[in-house]
C-alpha cells in the first residue's frame, strides 16, 4: 500500500471525493479522519462499500447471463 504522500494529485482527489460522499451516509468518518488519519478512514470506506460492490458484481453477472436465458439454442 502506498503512503498518502506518494499518491498522485488525481488519486488524492478521488479518495477525498469518495470520503466526502460517504460522509453523508456515515458521519463517523470525520472522527476517524481526526483520530486515525487518512489510512483508517480509507479502510473504513472500503469496509463500508464492500456490500455495495458485492451487490453490483451480482447484478452485473445477472445482466451478463440474461442473454443466455433468452436464447433458444
N, C-alpha and C. Protein backbone atom coordinates (compact mmCIF):
# COMPACT_ATOMS: atom_id res chain seq x y z
N UNK A 1 0.84 -1.17 0.00
CA UNK A 1 0.00 0.00 0.00
C UNK A 1 0.89 1.24 0.00
N UNK A 2 0.50 2.22 -0.78
CA UNK A 2 1.27 3.45 -0.87
C UNK A 2 0.96 4.37 0.30
N UNK A 3 1.92 5.19 0.64
CA UNK A 3 1.68 6.24 1.63
C UNK A 3 0.88 7.36 0.99
N UNK A 4 0.18 8.10 1.81
CA UNK A 4 -0.63 9.21 1.32
C UNK A 4 0.24 10.23 0.57
N UNK A 5 1.45 10.44 1.04
CA UNK A 5 2.34 11.41 0.40
C UNK A 5 2.79 10.96 -0.98
N UNK A 6 2.79 9.64 -1.23
CA UNK A 6 3.25 9.10 -2.50
C UNK A 6 2.18 9.07 -3.58
N UNK A 7 0.93 9.35 -3.22
CA UNK A 7 -0.16 9.31 -4.20
C UNK A 7 -0.13 10.53 -5.10
N UNK A 8 -0.63 10.35 -6.32
CA UNK A 8 -0.71 11.50 -7.24
C UNK A 8 -1.87 12.40 -6.83
N UNK A 9 -1.92 13.56 -7.41
CA UNK A 9 -3.00 14.51 -7.10
C UNK A 9 -4.36 13.92 -7.47
N UNK A 10 -4.43 13.25 -8.61
CA UNK A 10 -5.69 12.62 -9.03
C UNK A 10 -6.15 11.57 -8.04
N UNK A 11 -5.22 10.74 -7.56
CA UNK A 11 -5.57 9.71 -6.59
C UNK A 11 -6.04 10.33 -5.27
N UNK A 12 -5.38 11.38 -4.84
CA UNK A 12 -5.79 12.07 -3.61
C UNK A 12 -7.18 12.68 -3.77
N UNK A 13 -7.43 13.30 -4.92
CA UNK A 13 -8.75 13.88 -5.16
C UNK A 13 -9.84 12.81 -5.21
N UNK A 14 -9.55 11.69 -5.85
CA UNK A 14 -10.52 10.61 -5.93
C UNK A 14 -10.87 10.07 -4.55
N UNK A 15 -9.86 9.83 -3.74
CA UNK A 15 -10.09 9.33 -2.39
C UNK A 15 -10.81 10.38 -1.56
N UNK A 16 -10.43 11.64 -1.70
CA UNK A 16 -11.07 12.71 -0.95
C UNK A 16 -12.54 12.86 -1.30
N UNK A 17 -12.86 12.80 -2.59
CA UNK A 17 -14.26 12.91 -3.02
C UNK A 17 -15.06 11.71 -2.53
N UNK A 18 -14.47 10.52 -2.58
CA UNK A 18 -15.16 9.33 -2.09
C UNK A 18 -15.42 9.43 -0.59
N UNK A 19 -14.47 9.94 0.16
CA UNK A 19 -14.65 10.09 1.61
C UNK A 19 -15.73 11.14 1.90
N UNK A 20 -15.74 12.22 1.16
CA UNK A 20 -16.78 13.24 1.36
C UNK A 20 -18.15 12.67 1.02
N UNK A 21 -18.22 11.89 -0.06
CA UNK A 21 -19.51 11.31 -0.45
C UNK A 21 -20.02 10.32 0.59
N UNK A 22 -19.14 9.52 1.16
CA UNK A 22 -19.58 8.55 2.16
C UNK A 22 -19.86 9.21 3.50
N UNK A 23 -19.30 10.40 3.72
CA UNK A 23 -19.53 11.10 4.98
C UNK A 23 -21.00 11.47 5.16
N UNK A 24 -21.72 11.59 4.06
CA UNK A 24 -23.16 11.86 4.14
C UNK A 24 -23.88 10.68 4.77
N UNK A 25 -23.45 9.48 4.42
CA UNK A 25 -24.10 8.27 4.94
C UNK A 25 -23.49 7.78 6.24
N UNK A 26 -22.22 8.11 6.47
CA UNK A 26 -21.53 7.64 7.67
C UNK A 26 -20.76 8.80 8.29
N UNK A 27 -21.42 9.61 9.12
CA UNK A 27 -20.75 10.78 9.69
C UNK A 27 -19.58 10.46 10.62
N UNK A 28 -19.49 9.23 11.10
CA UNK A 28 -18.39 8.88 11.99
C UNK A 28 -17.04 8.88 11.28
N UNK A 29 -17.05 8.99 9.95
CA UNK A 29 -15.79 9.03 9.21
C UNK A 29 -14.99 10.28 9.55
N UNK A 30 -15.67 11.38 9.91
CA UNK A 30 -14.95 12.60 10.31
C UNK A 30 -14.12 12.35 11.56
N UNK A 31 -14.67 11.59 12.49
CA UNK A 31 -13.92 11.27 13.70
C UNK A 31 -12.73 10.36 13.37
N UNK A 32 -12.94 9.43 12.46
CA UNK A 32 -11.84 8.55 12.06
C UNK A 32 -10.72 9.35 11.39
N UNK A 33 -11.07 10.35 10.60
CA UNK A 33 -10.05 11.19 9.98
C UNK A 33 -9.26 11.97 11.03
N UNK A 34 -9.96 12.45 12.06
CA UNK A 34 -9.29 13.22 13.11
C UNK A 34 -8.34 12.36 13.93
N UNK A 35 -8.81 11.18 14.35
CA UNK A 35 -8.02 10.36 15.27
C UNK A 35 -7.15 9.32 14.59
N UNK A 36 -7.60 8.79 13.45
CA UNK A 36 -6.86 7.71 12.83
C UNK A 36 -6.08 8.10 11.60
N UNK A 37 -6.46 9.18 10.96
CA UNK A 37 -5.78 9.59 9.74
C UNK A 37 -6.47 9.04 8.51
N UNK A 38 -5.90 9.36 7.38
CA UNK A 38 -6.49 9.01 6.09
C UNK A 38 -6.50 7.50 5.87
N UNK A 39 -5.51 6.78 6.39
CA UNK A 39 -5.44 5.34 6.19
C UNK A 39 -6.62 4.64 6.88
N UNK A 40 -6.91 5.04 8.10
CA UNK A 40 -8.04 4.43 8.84
C UNK A 40 -9.35 4.78 8.16
N UNK A 41 -9.50 6.03 7.73
CA UNK A 41 -10.73 6.45 7.07
C UNK A 41 -10.91 5.71 5.75
N UNK A 42 -9.83 5.51 5.01
CA UNK A 42 -9.92 4.78 3.74
C UNK A 42 -10.28 3.31 3.97
N UNK A 43 -9.70 2.70 4.99
CA UNK A 43 -10.04 1.31 5.31
C UNK A 43 -11.52 1.21 5.69
N UNK A 44 -12.01 2.16 6.49
CA UNK A 44 -13.42 2.18 6.85
C UNK A 44 -14.28 2.36 5.61
N UNK A 45 -13.85 3.20 4.70
CA UNK A 45 -14.57 3.42 3.46
C UNK A 45 -14.69 2.12 2.65
N UNK A 46 -13.61 1.37 2.58
CA UNK A 46 -13.65 0.10 1.86
C UNK A 46 -14.59 -0.90 2.52
N UNK A 47 -14.55 -0.98 3.85
CA UNK A 47 -15.45 -1.89 4.56
C UNK A 47 -16.91 -1.46 4.40
N UNK A 48 -17.14 -0.16 4.35
CA UNK A 48 -18.50 0.35 4.20
C UNK A 48 -19.03 0.06 2.80
N UNK A 49 -18.18 0.17 1.80
CA UNK A 49 -18.61 -0.01 0.42
C UNK A 49 -18.60 -1.46 -0.04
N UNK A 50 -18.08 -2.37 0.74
CA UNK A 50 -17.99 -3.77 0.33
C UNK A 50 -19.35 -4.37 -0.04
N UNK A 51 -20.41 -4.18 0.77
CA UNK A 51 -21.71 -4.72 0.37
C UNK A 51 -22.24 -4.13 -0.94
N UNK A 52 -21.96 -2.87 -1.18
CA UNK A 52 -22.39 -2.24 -2.43
C UNK A 52 -21.64 -2.86 -3.61
N UNK A 53 -20.35 -3.09 -3.45
CA UNK A 53 -19.57 -3.71 -4.51
C UNK A 53 -20.03 -5.13 -4.80
N UNK A 54 -20.34 -5.89 -3.76
CA UNK A 54 -20.83 -7.26 -3.94
C UNK A 54 -22.17 -7.24 -4.67
N UNK A 55 -23.05 -6.31 -4.30
CA UNK A 55 -24.35 -6.18 -4.96
C UNK A 55 -24.17 -5.86 -6.45
N UNK A 56 -23.27 -4.92 -6.74
CA UNK A 56 -23.03 -4.54 -8.14
C UNK A 56 -22.46 -5.70 -8.94
N UNK A 57 -21.56 -6.48 -8.34
CA UNK A 57 -21.00 -7.64 -9.04
C UNK A 57 -22.08 -8.67 -9.32
N UNK A 58 -22.95 -8.90 -8.35
CA UNK A 58 -24.03 -9.87 -8.54
C UNK A 58 -25.00 -9.38 -9.61
N UNK A 59 -25.36 -8.11 -9.57
CA UNK A 59 -26.27 -7.53 -10.56
C UNK A 59 -25.66 -7.60 -11.96
N UNK A 60 -24.37 -7.31 -12.07
CA UNK A 60 -23.68 -7.37 -13.36
C UNK A 60 -23.67 -8.80 -13.90
N UNK A 61 -23.44 -9.77 -13.04
CA UNK A 61 -23.42 -11.16 -13.51
C UNK A 61 -24.81 -11.60 -13.95
N UNK A 62 -25.87 -11.10 -13.28
CA UNK A 62 -27.23 -11.42 -13.71
C UNK A 62 -27.53 -10.81 -15.07
N UNK A 63 -27.10 -9.58 -15.30
CA UNK A 63 -27.31 -8.93 -16.59
C UNK A 63 -26.50 -9.63 -17.68
N UNK A 64 -25.30 -10.04 -17.33
CA UNK A 64 -24.44 -10.71 -18.29
C UNK A 64 -25.00 -12.07 -18.71
N UNK A 65 -25.65 -12.77 -17.78
CA UNK A 65 -26.19 -14.08 -18.10
C UNK A 65 -27.61 -14.01 -18.68
N UNK A 66 -28.24 -12.87 -18.71
CA UNK A 66 -29.60 -12.73 -19.24
C UNK A 66 -29.72 -13.13 -20.71
N UNK A 67 -28.79 -12.74 -21.59
CA UNK A 67 -28.92 -13.18 -22.99
C UNK A 67 -28.87 -14.70 -23.14
N UNK A 68 -28.17 -15.38 -22.28
CA UNK A 68 -28.11 -16.84 -22.34
C UNK A 68 -29.46 -17.46 -22.03
N UNK A 69 -30.20 -16.83 -21.13
CA UNK A 69 -31.52 -17.34 -20.78
C UNK A 69 -32.54 -17.11 -21.88
N UNK A 70 -32.35 -16.05 -22.65
CA UNK A 70 -33.29 -15.70 -23.70
C UNK A 70 -33.06 -16.50 -24.98
N UNK A 71 -31.82 -16.85 -25.24
CA UNK A 71 -31.51 -17.56 -26.50
C UNK A 71 -32.15 -18.94 -26.50
N UNK A 72 -32.48 -19.38 -27.71
CA UNK A 72 -33.18 -20.66 -27.89
C UNK A 72 -32.26 -21.75 -28.41
N UNK A 73 -30.97 -21.59 -28.28
CA UNK A 73 -30.03 -22.60 -28.82
C UNK A 73 -29.97 -23.81 -27.96
